[in-house]
Amino acid sequence: MFGFLKVNEEAKRNNYDRHIEEKRKKRLFDIIFFSISFILLNLILYFITKV
């Protein structure tokens, strides 16, 4: 019984770690996406104001 509980705890911990890793990847992707969008927006505004 205790062995089963221990295995269950390990499984939960692994699942939680994976969940955190997924969130971290998503956050990194969001940061990259926003950076690219911001740079593109600035370039567009720069060209509009230059012309």
PDB file of N, CA and C in Angstrom:
ATOM      1  N   MET A   1       0.835  -1.199   0.000  1.00  0.00           N
ATOM      2  CA  MET A   1       0.000   0.000   0.000  1.00  0.00           C
ATOM      3  C   MET A   1       0.876   1.259   0.000  1.00  0.00           C
ATOM      4  N   PHE A   2       1.871   1.270   0.905  1.00  0.00           N
ATOM      5  CA  PHE A   2       2.734   2.456   0.968  1.00  0.00           C
ATOM      6  C   PHE A   2       3.573   2.589  -0.299  1.00  0.00           C
ATOM      7  N   GLY A   3       3.973   1.440  -0.857  1.00  0.00           N
ATOM      8  CA  GLY A   3       4.726   1.452  -2.109  1.00  0.00           C
ATOM      9  C   GLY A   3       3.902   2.104  -3.208  1.00  0.00           C
ATOM     10  N   PHE A   4       2.618   1.789  -3.257  1.00  0.00           N
ATOM     11  CA  PHE A   4       1.729   2.353  -4.269  1.00  0.00           C
ATOM     12  C   PHE A   4       1.618   3.868  -4.094  1.00  0.00           C
ATOM     13  N   LEU A   5       1.472   4.303  -2.822  1.00  0.00           N
ATOM     14  CA  LEU A   5       1.364   5.735  -2.556  1.00  0.00           C
ATOM     15  C   LEU A   5       2.636   6.461  -2.990  1.00  0.00           C
ATOM     16  N   LYS A   6       3.768   5.838  -2.725  1.00  0.00           N
ATOM     17  CA  LYS A   6       5.054   6.456  -3.102  1.00  0.00           C
ATOM     18  C   LYS A   6       5.144   6.600  -4.620  1.00  0.00           C
ATOM     19  N   VAL A   7       4.760   5.555  -5.344  1.00  0.00           N
ATOM     20  CA  VAL A   7       4.778   5.596  -6.811  1.00  0.00           C
ATOM     21  C   VAL A   7       3.830   6.682  -7.310  1.00  0.00           C
ATOM     22  N   ASN A   8       2.665   6.770  -6.665  1.00  0.00           N
ATOM     23  CA  ASN A   8       1.681   7.766  -7.057  1.00  0.00           C
ATOM     24  C   ASN A   8       2.239   9.176  -6.854  1.00  0.00           C
ATOM     25  N   GLU A   9       2.922   9.399  -5.733  1.00  0.00           N
ATOM     26  CA  GLU A   9       3.522  10.706  -5.458  1.00  0.00           C
ATOM     27  C   GLU A   9       4.558  11.052  -6.526  1.00  0.00           C
ATOM     28  N   GLU A  10       5.382  10.068  -6.881  1.00  0.00           N
ATOM     29  CA  GLU A  10       6.402  10.283  -7.915  1.00  0.00           C
ATOM     30  C   GLU A  10       5.745  10.672  -9.239  1.00  0.00           C
ATOM     31  N   ALA A  11       4.682   9.958  -9.581  1.00  0.00           N
ATOM     32  CA  ALA A  11       3.978  10.233 -10.836  1.00  0.00           C
ATOM     33  C   ALA A  11       3.416  11.656 -10.818  1.00  0.00           C
ATOM     34  N   LYS A  12       2.837  12.051  -9.680  1.00  0.00           N
ATOM     35  CA  LYS A  12       2.279  13.398  -9.562  1.00  0.00           C
ATOM     36  C   LYS A  12       3.375  14.438  -9.722  1.00  0.00           C
ATOM     37  N   ARG A  13       4.510  14.185  -9.067  1.00  0.00           N
ATOM     38  CA  ARG A  13       5.608  15.152  -9.127  1.00  0.00           C
ATOM     39  C   ARG A  13       6.124  15.289 -10.553  1.00  0.00           C
ATOM     40  N   ASN A  14       6.283  14.158 -11.243  1.00  0.00           N
ATOM     41  CA  ASN A  14       6.762  14.188 -12.627  1.00  0.00           C
ATOM     42  C   ASN A  14       5.777  14.950 -13.515  1.00  0.00           C
ATOM     43  N   ASN A  15       4.491  14.700 -13.311  1.00  0.00           N
ATOM     44  CA  ASN A  15       3.459  15.360 -14.092  1.00  0.00           C
ATOM     45  C   ASN A  15       3.495  16.863 -13.849  1.00  0.00           C
ATOM     46  N   TYR A  16       3.699  17.250 -12.572  1.00  0.00           N
ATOM     47  CA  TYR A  16       3.745  18.666 -12.194  1.00  0.00           C
ATOM     48  C   TYR A  16       4.951  19.335 -12.841  1.00  0.00           C
ATOM     49  N   ASP A  17       6.105  18.643 -12.808  1.00  0.00           N
ATOM     50  CA  ASP A  17       7.314  19.189 -13.436  1.00  0.00           C
ATOM     51  C   ASP A  17       7.094  19.396 -14.928  1.00  0.00           C
ATOM     52  N   ARG A  18       6.462  18.416 -15.564  1.00  0.00           N
ATOM     53  CA  ARG A  18       6.194  18.519 -17.005  1.00  0.00           C
ATOM     54  C   ARG A  18       5.283  19.711 -17.274  1.00  0.00           C
ATOM     55  N   HIS A  19       4.284  19.898 -16.415  1.00  0.00           N
ATOM     56  CA  HIS A  19       3.343  20.998 -16.570  1.00  0.00           C
ATOM     57  C   HIS A  19       4.077  22.333 -16.480  1.00  0.00           C
ATOM     58  N   ILE A  20       4.992  22.454 -15.514  1.00  0.00           N
ATOM     59  CA  ILE A  20       5.764  23.678 -15.347  1.00  0.00           C
ATOM     60  C   ILE A  20       6.629  23.909 -16.586  1.00  0.00           C
ATOM     61  N   GLU A  21       7.243  22.842 -17.080  1.00  0.00           N
ATOM     62  CA  GLU A  21       8.102  22.948 -18.265  1.00  0.00           C
ATOM     63  C   GLU A  21       7.286  23.446 -19.463  1.00  0.00           C
ATOM     64  N   GLU A  22       6.079  22.905 -19.629  1.00  0.00           N
ATOM     65  CA  GLU A  22       5.205  23.337 -20.733  1.00  0.00           C
ATOM     66  C   GLU A  22       4.890  24.821 -20.601  1.00  0.00           C
ATOM     67  N   LYS A  23       4.546  25.256 -19.375  1.00  0.00           N
ATOM     68  CA  LYS A  23       4.214  26.656 -19.154  1.00  0.00           C
ATOM     69  C   LYS A  23       5.414  27.540 -19.451  1.00  0.00           C
ATOM     70  N   ARG A  24       6.605  27.070 -19.048  1.00  0.00           N
ATOM     71  CA  ARG A  24       7.812  27.853 -19.284  1.00  0.00           C
ATOM     72  C   ARG A  24       8.055  28.005 -20.782  1.00  0.00           C
ATOM     73  N   LYS A  25       7.880  26.910 -21.538  1.00  0.00           N
ATOM     74  CA  LYS A  25       8.064  26.974 -22.991  1.00  0.00           C
ATOM     75  C   LYS A  25       7.072  27.948 -23.603  1.00  0.00           C
ATOM     76  N   LYS A  26       5.830  27.873 -23.141  1.00  0.00           N
ATOM     77  CA  LYS A  26       4.797  28.758 -23.678  1.00  0.00           C
ATOM     78  C   LYS A  26       5.151  30.212 -23.381  1.00  0.00           C
ATOM     79  N   ARG A  27       5.631  30.476 -22.167  1.00  0.00           N
ATOM     80  CA  ARG A  27       5.976  31.839 -21.788  1.00  0.00           C
ATOM     81  C   ARG A  27       7.133  32.339 -22.647  1.00  0.00           C
ATOM     82  N   LEU A  28       8.116  31.473 -22.871  1.00  0.00           N
ATOM     83  CA  LEU A  28       9.264  31.841 -23.703  1.00  0.00           C
ATOM     84  C   LEU A  28       8.787  32.169 -25.115  1.00  0.00           C
ATOM     85  N   PHE A  29       7.881  31.346 -25.640  1.00  0.00           N
ATOM     86  CA  PHE A  29       7.334  31.579 -26.976  1.00  0.00           C
ATOM     87  C   PHE A  29       6.598  32.914 -27.025  1.00  0.00           C
ATOM     88  N   ASP A  30       5.817  33.210 -25.958  1.00  0.00           N
ATOM     89  CA  ASP A  30       5.087  34.481 -25.897  1.00  0.00           C
ATOM     90  C   ASP A  30       6.056  35.654 -25.913  1.00  0.00           C
ATOM     91  N   ILE A  31       7.148  35.545 -25.139  1.00  0.00           N
ATOM     92  CA  ILE A  31       8.121  36.629 -25.076  1.00  0.00           C
ATOM     93  C   ILE A  31       8.745  36.864 -26.454  1.00  0.00           C
ATOM     94  N   ILE A  32       9.134  35.778 -27.116  1.00  0.00           N
ATOM     95  CA  ILE A  32       9.737  35.888 -28.446  1.00  0.00           C
ATOM     96  C   ILE A  32       8.740  36.494 -29.429  1.00  0.00           C
ATOM     97  N   PHE A  33       7.497  36.008 -29.368  1.00  0.00           N
ATOM     98  CA  PHE A  33       6.457  36.494 -30.274  1.00  0.00           C
ATOM     99  C   PHE A  33       6.209  37.989 -30.086  1.00  0.00           C
ATOM    100  N   PHE A  34       6.101  38.427 -28.808  1.00  0.00           N
ATOM    101  CA  PHE A  34       5.848  39.839 -28.536  1.00  0.00           C
ATOM    102  C   PHE A  34       7.026  40.699 -28.969  1.00  0.00           C
ATOM    103  N   SER A  35       8.249  40.179 -28.772  1.00  0.00           N
ATOM    104  CA  SER A  35       9.441  40.930 -29.184  1.00  0.00           C
ATOM    105  C   SER A  35       9.428  41.153 -30.690  1.00  0.00           C
ATOM    106  N   ILE A  36       9.156  40.088 -31.441  1.00  0.00           N
ATOM    107  CA  ILE A  36       9.128  40.186 -32.903  1.00  0.00           C
ATOM    108  C   ILE A  36       8.019  41.146 -33.355  1.00  0.00           C
ATOM    109  N   SER A  37       6.857  41.032 -32.731  1.00  0.00           N
ATOM    110  CA  SER A  37       5.738  41.907 -33.088  1.00  0.00           C
ATOM    111  C   SER A  37       6.098  43.364 -32.820  1.00  0.00           C
ATOM    112  N   PHE A  38       6.735  43.603 -31.663  1.00  0.00           N
ATOM    113  CA  PHE A  38       7.105  44.961 -31.271  1.00  0.00           C
ATOM    114  C   PHE A  38       8.107  45.554 -32.260  1.00  0.00           C
ATOM    115  N   ILE A  39       9.095  44.753 -32.636  1.00  0.00           N
ATOM    116  CA  ILE A  39      10.114  45.216 -33.584  1.00  0.00           C
ATOM    117  C   ILE A  39       9.473  45.524 -34.939  1.00  0.00           C
ATOM    118  N   LEU A  40       8.601  44.641 -35.406  1.00  0.00           N
ATOM    119  CA  LEU A  40       7.934  44.868 -36.690  1.00  0.00           C
ATOM    120  C   LEU A  40       7.086  46.132 -36.651  1.00  0.00           C
ATOM    121  N   LEU A  41       6.372  46.327 -35.556  1.00  0.00           N
ATOM    122  CA  LEU A  41       5.528  47.510 -35.408  1.00  0.00           C
ATOM    123  C   LEU A  41       6.387  48.767 -35.455  1.00  0.00           C
ATOM    124  N   ASN A  42       7.502  48.747 -34.737  1.00  0.00           N
ATOM    125  CA  ASN A  42       8.405  49.901 -34.744  1.00  0.00           C
ATOM    126  C   ASN A  42       8.956  50.173 -36.138  1.00  0.00           C
ATOM    127  N   LEU A  43       9.327  49.116 -36.868  1.00  0.00           N
ATOM    128  CA  LEU A  43       9.838  49.292 -38.231  1.00  0.00           C
ATOM    129  C   LEU A  43       8.781  49.920 -39.134  1.00  0.00           C
ATOM    130  N   ILE A  44       7.546  49.429 -39.014  1.00  0.00           N
ATOM    131  CA  ILE A  44       6.454  49.956 -39.841  1.00  0.00           C
ATOM    132  C   ILE A  44       6.234  51.442 -39.529  1.00  0.00           C
ATOM    133  N   LEU A  45       6.186  51.762 -38.234  1.00  0.00           N
ATOM    134  CA  LEU A  45       5.996  53.167 -37.831  1.00  0.00           C
ATOM    135  C   LEU A  45       7.158  54.024 -38.306  1.00  0.00           C
ATOM    136  N   TYR A  46       8.366  53.476 -38.218  1.00  0.00           N
ATOM    137  CA  TYR A  46       9.563  54.202 -38.660  1.00  0.00           C
ATOM    138  C   TYR A  46       9.469  54.551 -40.154  1.00  0.00           C
ATOM    139  N   PHE A  47       9.075  53.544 -40.955  1.00  0.00           N
ATOM    140  CA  PHE A  47       8.973  53.796 -42.406  1.00  0.00           C
ATOM    141  C   PHE A  47       7.844  54.771 -42.720  1.00  0.00           C
ATOM    142  N   ILE A  48       6.749  54.683 -41.976  1.00  0.00           N
ATOM    143  CA  ILE A  48       5.618  55.600 -42.221  1.00  0.00           C
ATOM    144  C   ILE A  48       6.042  57.036 -41.912  1.00  0.00           C
ATOM    145  N   THR A  49       6.714  57.210 -40.775  1.00  0.00           N
ATOM    146  CA  THR A  49       7.124  58.566 -40.393  1.00  0.00           C
ATOM    147  C   THR A  49       8.236  59.095 -41.289  1.00  0.00           C
ATOM    148  N   LYS A  50       9.080  58.195 -41.815  1.00  0.00           N
ATOM    149  CA  LYS A  50      10.171  58.605 -42.700  1.00  0.00           C
ATOM    150  C   LYS A  50       9.603  59.085 -44.039  1.00  0.00           C
ATOM    151  N   VAL A  51       8.570  58.409 -44.525  1.00  0.00           N
ATOM    152  CA  VAL A  51       7.941  58.762 -45.788  1.00  0.00           C
ATOM    153  C   VAL A  51       6.856  59.801 -45.525  1.00  0.00           C
TER     154      VAL A  51
END
